[in-house]
Amino acid sequence: MGSNNSQQGQHPKGLWFLFATEMWERFGYYLMLGIFSLYMLDGWNNGGMGFSPEKKSDIYGTYLGLVYLTPFIGGLLADRVLGYRRSIIMGGLSMAAGYFLLSVHDMTSFYMGLFFIIMGNGFFKPNISTLVGNLYSTDDLKDKKDSGYNIFYMGINIGAFVCNFVAAYMRINFGWGYAFAAAGVGMLLGVLIFLTGTKHIKHVDVMKPLEEGDMSTLKILSYTLLPMFGFGVLGYLIPGNILGTDTNDAFIFGCVPVIGFFIYLWFKSSGIEKRAIGALLAVFSCVILFFAVFHQNGDALTIWAEDYTDREMPESVANVATKFDMAQTVENNDIVQLDEADFNAKIAEMRAQEQAMPETTDAETAAKKAYAKEISGYVASRKYFSNLAADKVPANGKDLKLFSTELYQSINPFWVVLLTPVLVGVWGFLRKRKKEPSTPTKIAIGLVITALSALVMVGAVYATNDLSMKASSWWLIVSYAVITLGELCLSPMGLSLVSKLSPPRITALMMGGFFLSISVGNKLAGMLSSLWETIEEKENFFFLNFALVLGAALMLFLMLKWLNKVMKENNVY
């Protein structure tokens, strides 16, 4: 086994192949996610799906929930039937097929593409995380497991950082289809890298034999999968709805039997194994609230970037961005300056004119598209100037170059890449002095830091003087920096904790449980974000986020003594 690891004291070679595989997989995943909502809202004639905002939100939230629900199934099948490497290759190819299907502008291929991505992620995600942990299962490497997960996590975020720029460039210059196809190419690169490095990984791709009393794979699937669909359909068909929409009801109801199964696993086990599973389930329940707040970056914080953030580019940046068609332009002119009633009348008149324009020839179609773009430019410019300080609004006939809203999605992965080496260094420094916090303690610290990021956004609301003006981009940049520090203490540590505490034969299944808690958190994030429109004082929205995560942190701190005792009992820290 030692021959597959680099010299003692260093990280195993296999880690770097898993790092690069995950980097390209996340490149594709976040590229698709970054343009998904925009694509669904864009008009059919413009190459988008032409969905209503309500339908877009429903599909987006359900997709985000399901994509983290399938790892439960993928983890189980890898543990019992397929093995980890085979599952990862199957999952990667399925996701690539999904992205390529999305690049075809067609309703059937749209839904088929989502299905392939959801299923592919189920086979890919829990198993690559499990293999990272398995690389560190020897005595000489087990104390480096947290650092290994931190490095692996950095790969995730390099992919997530780069992809938004590629997405913007492909979309603006070539159209939606090419942007989705770029995600598919990224995923295929990931699979290729994984196949190249398989000789450094195969020694830890070992399926654990079933023990006496273990449930058969078929039995587990019939106890969870069938009730999951049954409960989901039941939730969907309930007259009216309990949790806001039918799909919210269906999703949360569908999770109930799966959560029940994990409680049953705990109930049936005994001794040291029972305490380990119990500890993991306790941490999972706290992690749900972290993701409910963290994954609002794609929703409430994106709305904040769009509507309440001063996004003006410095001139030096604007010159470069304009060359690559990556700057958003707003312009002040006579139409934009009209009073509310006259402006609305003018836009209605122009839209009627657009509708009447013929589109028989290519030239006519191009002219109609250009006119539609002109109208949307007036609307976007007026909206942007509506709460911009008067001295910042350009003179009549002049324009401003703005950072496009989706680029704010790259702030979080930027901080991850920047802060990961710092945090790994801090943990290493404390480890040498025998003062490194245990993994559950790191998770609890992460929750407290995440709560503080919501307070930064409270400051941002106050800075807008009751939303009458725009806040500086620095508020978002600092808020993302704080939440990223919390994320680094929590998300890779969660993966590490599952790898350390899970009974070996159900590691990928428990990894699926961790992703299930992310899945429920994602759905709650959408439900929380829907309160954005209804809460009048926006600072109260962020105070609510603060209170929820702080509550989860307090729960975890109260359990720390017990969790650390379970860690010690399992000879892991």
Protein backbone atom coordinates (compact mmCIF):
# COMPACT_ATOMS: atom_id res chain seq x y z
CA MET A 1 0.00 0.00 0.00
CA GLY A 2 2.86 2.37 0.79
CA SER A 3 4.15 2.31 -2.81
CA ASN A 4 1.13 4.31 -3.94
CA ASN A 5 1.83 7.11 -1.52
CA SER A 6 4.59 9.66 -1.92
CA GLN A 7 7.31 9.85 0.71
CA GLN A 8 6.18 9.87 4.29
CA GLY A 9 5.04 13.25 5.53
CA GLN A 10 3.66 14.30 2.14
CA HIS A 11 0.20 13.90 0.66
CA PRO A 12 -0.51 10.76 -1.42
CA LYS A 13 -0.11 11.13 -5.21
CA GLY A 14 -3.70 10.03 -5.75
CA LEU A 15 -4.92 13.24 -4.06
CA TRP A 16 -3.64 15.39 -6.93
CA PHE A 17 -5.52 13.34 -9.53
CA LEU A 18 -8.71 13.49 -7.43
CA PHE A 19 -8.11 17.25 -6.96
CA ALA A 20 -7.86 17.82 -10.75
CA THR A 21 -10.84 15.54 -11.50
CA GLU A 22 -13.03 17.39 -9.00
CA MET A 23 -11.78 20.78 -10.27
CA TRP A 24 -13.02 20.05 -13.81
CA GLU A 25 -16.24 18.47 -12.56
CA ARG A 26 -17.04 21.58 -10.49
CA PHE A 27 -16.03 23.80 -13.43
CA GLY A 28 -18.86 22.23 -15.44
CA TYR A 29 -21.30 22.08 -12.52
CA TYR A 30 -20.94 25.74 -11.49
CA LEU A 31 -20.74 26.99 -15.10
CA MET A 32 -24.15 25.41 -15.70
CA LEU A 33 -25.52 26.71 -12.37
CA GLY A 34 -24.23 30.26 -13.01
CA ILE A 35 -26.24 30.63 -16.24
CA PHE A 36 -29.13 28.26 -15.47
CA SER A 37 -31.61 30.89 -14.16
CA LEU A 38 -30.69 33.43 -16.85
CA TYR A 39 -31.14 30.76 -19.54
CA MET A 40 -34.57 29.74 -18.25
CA LEU A 41 -35.77 33.37 -18.14
CA ASP A 42 -34.39 34.39 -21.54
CA GLY A 43 -36.96 34.44 -24.37
CA TRP A 44 -37.28 31.38 -26.62
CA ASN A 45 -36.45 33.45 -29.73
CA ASN A 46 -33.31 34.64 -27.97
CA GLY A 47 -32.15 31.04 -27.43
CA GLY A 48 -33.48 30.67 -23.86
CA MET A 49 -36.42 28.68 -22.46
CA GLY A 50 -38.83 31.60 -21.96
CA PHE A 51 -40.07 30.41 -18.54
CA SER A 52 -41.89 32.66 -16.05
CA PRO A 53 -39.94 33.73 -12.91
CA GLU A 54 -42.14 31.40 -10.79
CA LYS A 55 -41.48 28.37 -13.02
CA LYS A 56 -37.76 29.23 -13.13
CA SER A 57 -37.53 29.37 -9.30
CA ASP A 58 -39.42 26.10 -8.94
CA ILE A 59 -37.17 24.23 -11.40
CA TYR A 60 -33.99 25.82 -9.97
CA GLY A 61 -34.83 24.93 -6.34
CA THR A 62 -35.98 21.40 -7.17
CA TYR A 63 -32.87 20.75 -9.31
CA LEU A 64 -30.56 22.02 -6.55
CA GLY A 65 -32.32 19.81 -4.01
CA LEU A 66 -32.34 16.66 -6.17
CA VAL A 67 -28.73 17.01 -7.31
CA TYR A 68 -27.68 16.54 -3.65
CA LEU A 69 -30.32 13.89 -2.89
CA THR A 70 -29.11 11.28 -5.42
CA PRO A 71 -25.67 10.85 -3.71
CA PHE A 72 -27.55 8.76 -1.14
CA ILE A 73 -28.33 6.17 -3.86
CA GLY A 74 -24.96 6.54 -5.63
CA GLY A 75 -23.09 6.12 -2.35
CA LEU A 76 -24.99 2.96 -1.43
CA LEU A 77 -24.49 1.32 -4.85
CA ALA A 78 -20.76 2.18 -4.84
CA ASP A 79 -20.36 0.73 -1.32
CA ARG A 80 -22.15 -2.50 -2.18
CA VAL A 81 -22.19 -3.17 -5.93
CA LEU A 82 -20.16 -0.95 -8.26
CA GLY A 83 -17.04 0.15 -6.39
CA TYR A 84 -15.91 3.76 -6.22
CA ARG A 85 -13.90 4.23 -9.42
CA ARG A 86 -16.54 2.68 -11.67
CA SER A 87 -19.23 4.87 -10.04
CA ILE A 88 -17.15 8.03 -10.57
CA ILE A 89 -16.56 7.28 -14.27
CA MET A 90 -20.26 6.46 -14.81
CA GLY A 91 -21.30 9.62 -12.97
CA GLY A 92 -18.85 11.84 -14.89
CA LEU A 93 -19.97 10.57 -18.29
CA SER A 94 -23.64 10.93 -17.31
CA MET A 95 -23.09 14.56 -16.26
CA ALA A 96 -21.17 15.35 -19.47
CA ALA A 97 -24.11 13.91 -21.47
CA GLY A 98 -26.46 16.13 -19.44
CA TYR A 99 -24.52 19.31 -20.24
CA PHE A 100 -24.38 18.46 -23.95
CA LEU A 101 -28.15 17.79 -23.91
CA LEU A 102 -28.70 21.24 -22.37
CA SER A 103 -26.72 22.76 -25.24
CA VAL A 104 -29.51 21.62 -27.60
CA HIS A 105 -32.31 24.21 -27.63
CA ASP A 106 -35.23 21.85 -27.11
CA MET A 107 -37.76 21.27 -24.31
CA THR A 108 -37.31 17.46 -24.17
CA SER A 109 -33.50 17.58 -24.17
CA PHE A 110 -33.68 20.30 -21.45
CA TYR A 111 -35.44 17.98 -18.99
CA MET A 112 -33.42 14.93 -20.08
CA GLY A 113 -30.22 16.94 -19.56
CA LEU A 114 -31.25 17.82 -16.00
CA PHE A 115 -32.09 14.15 -15.30
CA PHE A 116 -28.64 13.00 -16.50
CA ILE A 117 -26.86 15.66 -14.38
CA ILE A 118 -28.89 14.79 -11.27
CA MET A 119 -28.20 11.06 -11.65
CA GLY A 120 -24.55 11.58 -12.63
CA ASN A 121 -23.88 13.77 -9.59
CA GLY A 122 -25.33 11.01 -7.40
CA PHE A 123 -22.70 8.54 -8.62
CA PHE A 124 -19.83 11.03 -8.74
CA LYS A 125 -20.03 13.27 -5.69
CA PRO A 126 -20.09 10.99 -2.61
CA ASN A 127 -17.61 8.52 -4.05
CA ILE A 128 -14.81 10.88 -5.01
CA SER A 129 -15.07 12.36 -1.48
CA THR A 130 -14.89 8.84 -0.02
CA LEU A 131 -11.76 7.99 -2.05
CA VAL A 132 -10.01 11.13 -0.73
CA GLY A 133 -10.61 9.88 2.82
CA ASN A 134 -9.53 6.32 1.96
CA LEU A 135 -6.13 7.61 0.75
CA TYR A 136 -5.48 8.74 4.35
CA SER A 137 -6.54 5.54 6.10
CA THR A 138 -2.97 4.42 6.95
CA ASP A 139 -1.47 5.33 10.34
CA ASP A 140 1.26 7.51 8.83
CA LEU A 141 -1.28 9.68 6.96
CA LYS A 142 -4.42 9.79 9.09
CA ASP A 143 -3.40 12.99 10.93
CA LYS A 144 -3.22 14.73 7.52
CA LYS A 145 -6.82 13.90 6.56
CA ASP A 146 -8.26 17.36 7.42
CA SER A 147 -5.51 19.06 5.37
CA GLY A 148 -6.10 16.63 2.49
CA TYR A 149 -9.80 17.57 2.42
CA ASN A 150 -8.90 21.28 2.55
CA ILE A 151 -6.62 20.88 -0.49
CA PHE A 152 -9.27 18.83 -2.32
CA TYR A 153 -11.80 21.57 -1.49
CA MET A 154 -9.52 24.15 -3.07
CA GLY A 155 -9.75 22.20 -6.36
CA ILE A 156 -13.53 22.50 -6.19
CA ASN A 157 -13.24 26.25 -5.93
CA ILE A 158 -10.61 26.84 -8.61
CA GLY A 159 -13.13 25.24 -10.99
CA ALA A 160 -15.98 27.32 -9.53
CA PHE A 161 -13.96 30.56 -9.87
CA VAL A 162 -12.81 30.17 -13.48
CA CYS A 163 -16.12 28.90 -14.90
CA ASN A 164 -18.11 32.16 -14.48
CA PHE A 165 -15.69 34.02 -16.76
CA VAL A 166 -15.80 31.22 -19.37
CA ALA A 167 -19.63 31.17 -19.11
CA ALA A 168 -19.91 34.96 -19.60
CA TYR A 169 -17.52 34.92 -22.57
CA MET A 170 -19.15 31.92 -24.33
CA ARG A 171 -22.69 33.20 -23.71
CA ILE A 172 -22.07 36.79 -24.85
CA ASN A 173 -20.02 35.87 -27.94
CA PHE A 174 -21.49 32.53 -29.11
CA GLY A 175 -24.79 31.91 -27.29
CA TRP A 176 -26.23 29.64 -24.60
CA GLY A 177 -25.55 26.33 -26.36
CA TYR A 178 -21.79 26.87 -26.51
CA ALA A 179 -21.67 27.81 -22.81
CA PHE A 180 -23.39 24.53 -21.81
CA ALA A 181 -21.17 22.57 -24.21
CA ALA A 182 -18.09 24.10 -22.47
CA ALA A 183 -19.38 22.54 -19.21
CA GLY A 184 -19.60 19.14 -20.96
CA VAL A 185 -16.04 19.44 -22.28
CA GLY A 186 -14.81 20.31 -18.76
CA MET A 187 -16.48 17.20 -17.33
CA LEU A 188 -14.92 14.95 -20.00
CA LEU A 189 -11.49 16.42 -19.15
CA GLY A 190 -12.14 15.49 -15.52
CA VAL A 191 -12.95 11.87 -16.43
CA LEU A 192 -9.82 11.68 -18.59
CA ILE A 193 -7.60 12.93 -15.72
CA PHE A 194 -9.25 10.40 -13.36
CA LEU A 195 -8.54 7.51 -15.76
CA THR A 196 -4.90 8.67 -16.08
CA GLY A 197 -4.38 8.62 -12.32
CA THR A 198 -6.33 5.47 -11.51
CA LYS A 199 -3.13 3.48 -10.70
CA HIS A 200 -2.53 5.82 -7.72
CA ILE A 201 -6.10 5.30 -6.45
CA LYS A 202 -7.07 1.67 -7.13
CA HIS A 203 -5.48 0.38 -3.90
CA VAL A 204 -8.10 2.29 -1.85
CA ASP A 205 -11.08 1.32 -4.05
CA VAL A 206 -12.06 -1.60 -1.83
CA MET A 207 -15.64 -2.71 -1.21
CA LYS A 208 -16.25 -3.78 2.38
CA PRO A 209 -18.01 -7.13 2.86
CA LEU A 210 -21.46 -7.09 4.43
CA GLU A 211 -21.57 -7.98 8.09
CA GLU A 212 -24.11 -10.22 9.77
CA GLY A 213 -27.37 -8.35 10.26
CA ASP A 214 -26.64 -5.84 7.48
CA MET A 215 -29.60 -5.08 5.24
CA SER A 216 -29.34 -6.16 1.60
CA THR A 217 -28.92 -3.43 -1.03
CA LEU A 218 -32.28 -4.25 -2.60
CA LYS A 219 -33.96 -4.05 0.79
CA ILE A 220 -32.41 -0.63 1.55
CA LEU A 221 -33.52 0.73 -1.83
CA SER A 222 -37.05 -0.62 -1.36
CA TYR A 223 -37.17 0.85 2.18
CA THR A 224 -35.99 4.32 1.04
CA LEU A 225 -36.39 4.87 -2.69
CA LEU A 226 -39.97 3.63 -3.05
CA PRO A 227 -41.26 5.49 0.04
CA MET A 228 -39.30 8.58 -1.10
CA PHE A 229 -41.23 8.67 -4.38
CA GLY A 230 -44.47 7.75 -2.60
CA PHE A 231 -44.12 10.49 0.01
CA GLY A 232 -43.02 12.94 -2.69
CA VAL A 233 -46.13 12.27 -4.79
CA LEU A 234 -48.27 12.54 -1.64
CA GLY A 235 -46.67 15.90 -0.79
CA TYR A 236 -47.28 17.14 -4.33
CA LEU A 237 -50.95 16.09 -4.36
CA ILE A 238 -51.94 17.58 -0.99
CA PRO A 239 -54.68 20.16 -1.72
CA GLY A 240 -53.26 23.65 -1.28
CA ASN A 241 -49.74 23.51 0.10
CA ILE A 242 -48.04 23.53 3.49
CA LEU A 243 -44.57 24.88 2.64
CA GLY A 244 -45.30 27.53 0.01
CA THR A 245 -45.40 25.48 -3.21
CA ASP A 246 -46.35 21.94 -4.26
CA THR A 247 -42.73 21.12 -5.17
CA ASN A 248 -41.51 22.30 -1.72
CA ASP A 249 -44.04 19.93 -0.12
CA ALA A 250 -43.08 17.07 -2.46
CA PHE A 251 -39.36 17.54 -1.80
CA ILE A 252 -39.50 17.79 2.00
CA PHE A 253 -42.06 14.95 2.27
CA GLY A 254 -39.86 12.81 0.00
CA CYS A 255 -36.88 13.34 2.33
CA VAL A 256 -38.77 12.00 5.37
CA PRO A 257 -38.32 8.23 4.64
CA VAL A 258 -34.62 8.75 3.82
CA ILE A 259 -34.07 10.61 7.10
CA GLY A 260 -36.07 7.83 8.78
CA PHE A 261 -33.72 5.25 7.25
CA PHE A 262 -30.64 6.95 8.77
CA ILE A 263 -32.36 7.02 12.18
CA TYR A 264 -33.14 3.30 11.70
CA LEU A 265 -29.44 2.64 10.89
CA TRP A 266 -28.51 4.29 14.19
CA PHE A 267 -31.24 2.42 16.08
CA LYS A 268 -30.17 -1.00 14.73
CA SER A 269 -26.44 -0.58 15.36
CA SER A 270 -24.80 -0.99 18.74
CA GLY A 271 -21.80 -0.01 20.86
CA ILE A 272 -19.04 2.10 19.35
CA GLU A 273 -20.70 2.01 15.89
CA LYS A 274 -24.00 3.31 17.27
CA ARG A 275 -22.27 6.25 18.98
CA ALA A 276 -20.33 7.10 15.77
CA ILE A 277 -23.50 7.09 13.60
CA GLY A 278 -25.34 9.12 16.27
CA ALA A 279 -22.55 11.72 16.32
CA LEU A 280 -22.66 12.05 12.52
CA LEU A 281 -26.45 12.46 12.46
CA ALA A 282 -26.21 15.18 15.13
CA VAL A 283 -23.65 17.10 13.05
CA PHE A 284 -25.74 16.64 9.86
CA SER A 285 -28.75 18.28 11.52
CA CYS A 286 -26.67 21.38 12.40
CA VAL A 287 -25.10 21.52 8.93
CA ILE A 288 -28.56 21.88 7.30
CA LEU A 289 -28.86 25.44 8.64
CA PHE A 290 -25.39 26.37 7.39
CA PHE A 291 -26.33 25.44 3.81
CA ALA A 292 -29.74 27.12 4.13
CA VAL A 293 -27.88 30.41 4.63
CA PHE A 294 -24.78 29.69 2.53
CA HIS A 295 -26.65 28.79 -0.67
CA GLN A 296 -28.51 32.07 -0.75
CA ASN A 297 -25.48 33.36 -2.68
CA GLY A 298 -27.28 32.23 -5.84
CA ASP A 299 -30.51 33.95 -4.83
CA ALA A 300 -30.88 36.73 -2.23
CA LEU A 301 -27.24 37.86 -2.48
CA THR A 302 -27.43 37.84 -6.28
CA ILE A 303 -30.53 40.07 -6.09
CA TRP A 304 -28.54 42.32 -3.73
CA ALA A 305 -25.68 42.48 -6.27
CA GLU A 306 -28.15 43.23 -9.09
CA ASP A 307 -30.33 45.87 -7.40
CA TYR A 308 -28.46 47.42 -4.47
CA THR A 309 -24.74 47.24 -5.34
CA ASP A 310 -22.66 49.90 -7.07
CA ARG A 311 -21.15 47.73 -9.81
CA GLU A 312 -19.24 50.40 -11.75
CA MET A 313 -15.93 49.13 -13.18
CA PRO A 314 -12.72 51.11 -12.70
CA GLU A 315 -11.65 52.53 -16.08
CA SER A 316 -8.59 50.27 -16.39
CA VAL A 317 -10.74 47.15 -15.87
CA ALA A 318 -13.51 48.47 -18.14
CA ASN A 319 -11.09 48.89 -21.08
CA VAL A 320 -10.02 45.22 -20.90
CA ALA A 321 -13.56 43.87 -20.21
CA THR A 322 -15.01 45.80 -23.16
CA LYS A 323 -12.49 44.18 -25.54
CA PHE A 324 -13.80 40.75 -24.49
CA ASP A 325 -17.47 41.82 -24.48
CA MET A 326 -17.65 41.01 -20.76
CA ALA A 327 -18.83 44.38 -19.40
CA GLN A 328 -22.48 45.32 -18.88
CA THR A 329 -23.20 48.83 -20.25
CA VAL A 330 -25.82 51.28 -18.90
CA GLU A 331 -26.37 54.60 -20.67
CA ASN A 332 -28.04 57.87 -19.69
CA ASN A 333 -30.17 59.50 -22.42
CA ASP A 334 -33.43 61.39 -23.03
CA ILE A 335 -35.59 58.25 -22.80
CA VAL A 336 -34.00 57.03 -19.54
CA GLN A 337 -34.52 60.50 -18.00
CA LEU A 338 -38.29 60.63 -18.66
CA ASP A 339 -40.59 60.69 -15.62
CA GLU A 340 -42.18 57.36 -14.54
CA ALA A 341 -45.46 57.64 -16.50
CA ASP A 342 -43.83 58.90 -19.72
CA PHE A 343 -41.08 56.27 -19.52
CA ASN A 344 -43.57 53.41 -19.10
CA ALA A 345 -45.66 54.74 -22.00
CA LYS A 346 -42.58 55.03 -24.24
CA ILE A 347 -41.42 51.46 -23.43
CA ALA A 348 -44.94 50.08 -24.07
CA GLU A 349 -44.99 51.88 -27.44
CA MET A 350 -41.55 50.46 -28.35
CA ARG A 351 -42.55 46.92 -27.31
CA ALA A 352 -45.66 47.14 -29.52
CA GLN A 353 -43.42 48.30 -32.37
CA GLU A 354 -41.08 45.33 -31.73
CA GLN A 355 -44.01 42.88 -31.81
CA ALA A 356 -45.10 44.30 -35.20
CA MET A 357 -41.66 43.95 -36.78
CA PRO A 358 -41.45 41.15 -39.39
CA GLU A 359 -38.93 38.31 -39.00
CA THR A 360 -39.11 36.46 -42.29
CA THR A 361 -35.53 36.96 -43.45
CA ASP A 362 -32.31 36.68 -41.44
CA ALA A 363 -31.82 40.46 -41.73
CA GLU A 364 -35.31 41.13 -40.34
CA THR A 365 -34.76 38.69 -37.46
CA ALA A 366 -31.43 40.37 -36.63
CA ALA A 367 -33.04 43.84 -36.75
CA LYS A 368 -35.84 42.69 -34.40
CA LYS A 369 -33.31 41.21 -31.95
CA ALA A 370 -31.25 44.42 -32.01
CA TYR A 371 -34.37 46.50 -31.29
CA ALA A 372 -35.36 44.19 -28.40
CA LYS A 373 -31.83 44.59 -27.01
CA GLU A 374 -32.14 48.39 -27.28
CA ILE A 375 -35.41 48.34 -25.27
CA SER A 376 -33.96 46.10 -22.55
CA GLY A 377 -30.94 48.46 -22.41
CA TYR A 378 -33.22 51.41 -21.58
CA VAL A 379 -35.05 49.40 -18.89
CA ALA A 380 -31.79 48.09 -17.32
CA SER A 381 -30.18 51.56 -17.38
CA ARG A 382 -33.17 53.26 -15.73
CA LYS A 383 -33.38 50.52 -13.09
CA TYR A 384 -29.66 50.83 -12.30
CA PHE A 385 -29.77 54.66 -12.05
CA SER A 386 -32.96 54.63 -9.91
CA ASN A 387 -31.01 54.28 -6.63
CA LEU A 388 -27.57 55.50 -7.72
CA ALA A 389 -26.19 58.65 -6.03
CA ALA A 390 -26.91 61.67 -8.29
CA ASP A 391 -23.21 62.58 -8.63
CA LYS A 392 -22.46 59.09 -9.99
CA VAL A 393 -25.10 59.11 -12.75
CA PRO A 394 -23.31 59.87 -16.06
CA ALA A 395 -24.17 62.97 -18.12
CA ASN A 396 -26.76 62.71 -20.91
CA GLY A 397 -25.28 60.65 -23.78
CA LYS A 398 -22.59 59.05 -21.58
CA ASP A 399 -22.47 55.48 -20.29
CA LEU A 400 -21.08 53.41 -17.40
CA LYS A 401 -19.38 50.00 -17.66
CA LEU A 402 -20.54 47.59 -14.94
CA PHE A 403 -19.41 44.24 -13.57
CA SER A 404 -22.16 41.83 -14.69
CA THR A 405 -24.06 40.33 -11.77
CA GLU A 406 -23.01 36.70 -12.38
CA LEU A 407 -19.33 37.62 -11.87
CA TYR A 408 -20.15 38.23 -8.17
CA GLN A 409 -20.58 34.44 -8.00
CA SER A 410 -16.79 34.17 -8.36
CA ILE A 411 -16.06 36.12 -5.14
CA ASN A 412 -16.70 33.11 -2.87
CA PRO A 413 -14.44 30.64 -4.77
CA PHE A 414 -11.79 33.41 -5.06
CA TRP A 415 -11.71 33.67 -1.25
CA VAL A 416 -11.61 29.85 -0.90
CA VAL A 417 -8.52 29.63 -3.11
CA LEU A 418 -6.90 32.54 -1.24
CA LEU A 419 -7.79 31.48 2.32
CA THR A 420 -7.35 27.68 2.09
CA PRO A 421 -3.52 27.75 2.30
CA VAL A 422 -3.77 30.21 5.22
CA LEU A 423 -6.19 27.97 7.14
CA VAL A 424 -4.22 24.77 6.36
CA GLY A 425 -1.15 26.63 7.69
CA VAL A 426 -2.95 27.67 10.89
CA TRP A 427 -4.18 24.10 11.56
CA GLY A 428 -0.65 22.77 10.87
CA PHE A 429 0.88 25.36 13.24
CA LEU A 430 -1.59 24.37 15.99
CA ARG A 431 -1.08 20.64 15.29
CA LYS A 432 2.67 20.92 15.90
CA ARG A 433 1.89 22.48 19.28
CA LYS A 434 -0.74 19.78 20.00
CA LYS A 435 -3.44 22.49 20.06
CA GLU A 436 -5.34 21.79 16.84
CA PRO A 437 -9.13 21.82 17.48
CA SER A 438 -11.01 18.58 16.85
CA THR A 439 -13.02 18.29 13.61
CA PRO A 440 -16.41 18.88 15.38
CA THR A 441 -14.92 21.97 17.10
CA LYS A 442 -13.83 23.33 13.69
CA ILE A 443 -17.39 22.82 12.40
CA ALA A 444 -18.85 24.69 15.41
CA ILE A 445 -16.38 27.58 14.87
CA GLY A 446 -17.40 27.59 11.19
CA LEU A 447 -21.06 28.05 12.13
CA VAL A 448 -20.28 31.05 14.37
CA ILE A 449 -18.21 32.72 11.62
CA THR A 450 -21.03 32.07 9.09
CA ALA A 451 -23.51 33.80 11.41
CA LEU A 452 -21.22 36.87 11.51
CA SER A 453 -21.31 37.12 7.69
CA ALA A 454 -25.06 37.83 7.93
CA LEU A 455 -24.26 40.75 10.27
CA VAL A 456 -21.96 42.22 7.58
CA MET A 457 -24.99 42.30 5.25
CA VAL A 458 -27.02 44.05 7.99
CA GLY A 459 -24.34 46.76 7.78
CA ALA A 460 -24.75 46.80 3.98
CA VAL A 461 -28.51 47.46 4.36
CA TYR A 462 -27.84 50.37 6.73
CA ALA A 463 -25.25 51.74 4.25
CA THR A 464 -27.96 52.07 1.57
CA ASN A 465 -29.94 54.51 3.77
CA ASP A 466 -33.09 52.38 3.70
CA LEU A 467 -32.37 51.08 0.16
CA SER A 468 -32.58 54.62 -1.31
CA MET A 469 -29.01 54.34 -2.66
CA LYS A 470 -26.53 51.64 -3.69
CA ALA A 471 -24.02 50.02 -1.35
CA SER A 472 -20.35 49.59 -2.22
CA SER A 473 -19.27 46.24 -3.71
CA TRP A 474 -16.96 45.93 -0.67
CA TRP A 475 -19.91 44.94 1.54
CA LEU A 476 -20.50 41.83 -0.61
CA ILE A 477 -16.76 41.13 -0.93
CA VAL A 478 -16.29 41.27 2.88
CA SER A 479 -19.47 39.27 3.58
CA TYR A 480 -18.27 36.56 1.18
CA ALA A 481 -14.82 36.60 2.82
CA VAL A 482 -16.38 35.97 6.26
CA ILE A 483 -18.79 33.25 5.08
CA THR A 484 -15.91 31.60 3.15
CA LEU A 485 -13.87 31.36 6.33
CA GLY A 486 -16.90 29.71 7.97
CA GLU A 487 -17.34 27.41 4.98
CA LEU A 488 -13.68 26.30 5.10
CA CYS A 489 -14.03 25.38 8.77
CA LEU A 490 -17.21 23.47 8.03
CA SER A 491 -17.68 21.98 4.55
CA PRO A 492 -14.37 20.12 4.00
CA MET A 493 -14.37 19.26 7.73
CA GLY A 494 -17.82 17.68 7.31
CA LEU A 495 -16.42 15.43 4.55
CA SER A 496 -13.43 14.63 6.76
CA LEU A 497 -15.62 13.82 9.77
CA VAL A 498 -17.78 11.39 7.75
CA SER A 499 -14.63 9.68 6.48
CA LYS A 500 -13.19 9.42 10.02
CA LEU A 501 -16.28 8.29 11.95
CA SER A 502 -18.29 6.16 9.49
CA PRO A 503 -18.20 2.41 9.95
CA PRO A 504 -16.02 1.43 6.92
CA ARG A 505 -18.62 -0.65 5.12
CA ILE A 506 -21.13 2.25 4.97
CA THR A 507 -18.76 5.21 4.44
CA ALA A 508 -20.19 6.22 1.04
CA LEU A 509 -23.73 5.73 2.37
CA MET A 510 -22.97 8.11 5.27
CA MET A 511 -21.33 10.48 2.75
CA GLY A 512 -24.71 10.34 0.99
CA GLY A 513 -26.26 11.33 4.34
CA PHE A 514 -24.00 14.40 4.50
CA PHE A 515 -25.10 15.37 0.98
CA LEU A 516 -28.73 14.76 2.01
CA SER A 517 -28.30 17.41 4.72
CA ILE A 518 -26.88 19.76 2.02
CA SER A 519 -29.89 18.88 -0.16
CA VAL A 520 -32.41 19.80 2.56
CA GLY A 521 -30.36 22.94 3.32
CA ASN A 522 -30.46 23.91 -0.38
CA LYS A 523 -34.23 23.59 -0.51
CA LEU A 524 -34.54 25.62 2.72
CA ALA A 525 -32.25 28.25 1.16
CA GLY A 526 -34.79 28.71 -1.63
CA MET A 527 -37.64 28.85 0.88
CA LEU A 528 -35.77 31.41 3.01
CA SER A 529 -34.89 33.49 -0.06
CA SER A 530 -38.57 33.65 -0.98
CA LEU A 531 -39.03 35.74 2.21
CA TRP A 532 -36.77 38.42 0.65
CA GLU A 533 -39.71 40.00 -1.21
CA THR A 534 -42.08 39.89 1.77
CA ILE A 535 -39.79 41.25 4.52
CA GLU A 536 -40.04 45.04 4.33
CA GLU A 537 -36.95 45.90 6.40
CA LYS A 538 -34.21 43.98 4.59
CA GLU A 539 -31.92 44.09 7.63
CA ASN A 540 -34.42 41.78 9.37
CA PHE A 541 -33.91 39.21 6.60
CA PHE A 542 -30.19 39.09 7.44
CA PHE A 543 -30.87 39.17 11.21
CA LEU A 544 -33.04 36.05 10.67
CA ASN A 545 -30.13 34.30 8.88
CA PHE A 546 -27.82 35.32 11.73
CA ALA A 547 -30.18 33.89 14.37
CA LEU A 548 -30.70 30.58 12.54
CA VAL A 549 -26.99 29.80 12.11
CA LEU A 550 -26.11 31.00 15.60
CA GLY A 551 -28.80 28.63 16.94
CA ALA A 552 -27.17 25.72 15.06
CA ALA A 553 -23.74 26.76 16.43
CA LEU A 554 -25.03 26.79 20.02
CA MET A 555 -26.53 23.31 19.53
CA LEU A 556 -23.18 22.03 18.30
CA PHE A 557 -21.19 23.68 21.12
CA LEU A 558 -23.52 22.00 23.63
CA MET A 559 -22.75 18.62 22.01
CA LEU A 560 -18.97 19.15 21.65
CA LYS A 561 -17.95 17.29 24.81
CA TRP A 562 -19.93 14.22 23.70
CA LEU A 563 -18.73 14.48 20.04
CA ASN A 564 -15.07 14.77 21.05
CA LYS A 565 -15.50 11.75 23.34
CA VAL A 566 -16.88 9.71 20.39
CA MET A 567 -13.92 10.87 18.25
CA LYS A 568 -11.45 9.74 20.91
CA GLU A 569 -13.27 6.42 21.28
CA ASN A 570 -12.81 5.85 17.52
CA ASN A 571 -9.16 6.87 17.77
CA VAL A 572 -9.63 9.87 15.43
CA TYR A 573 -9.36 13.59 16.16
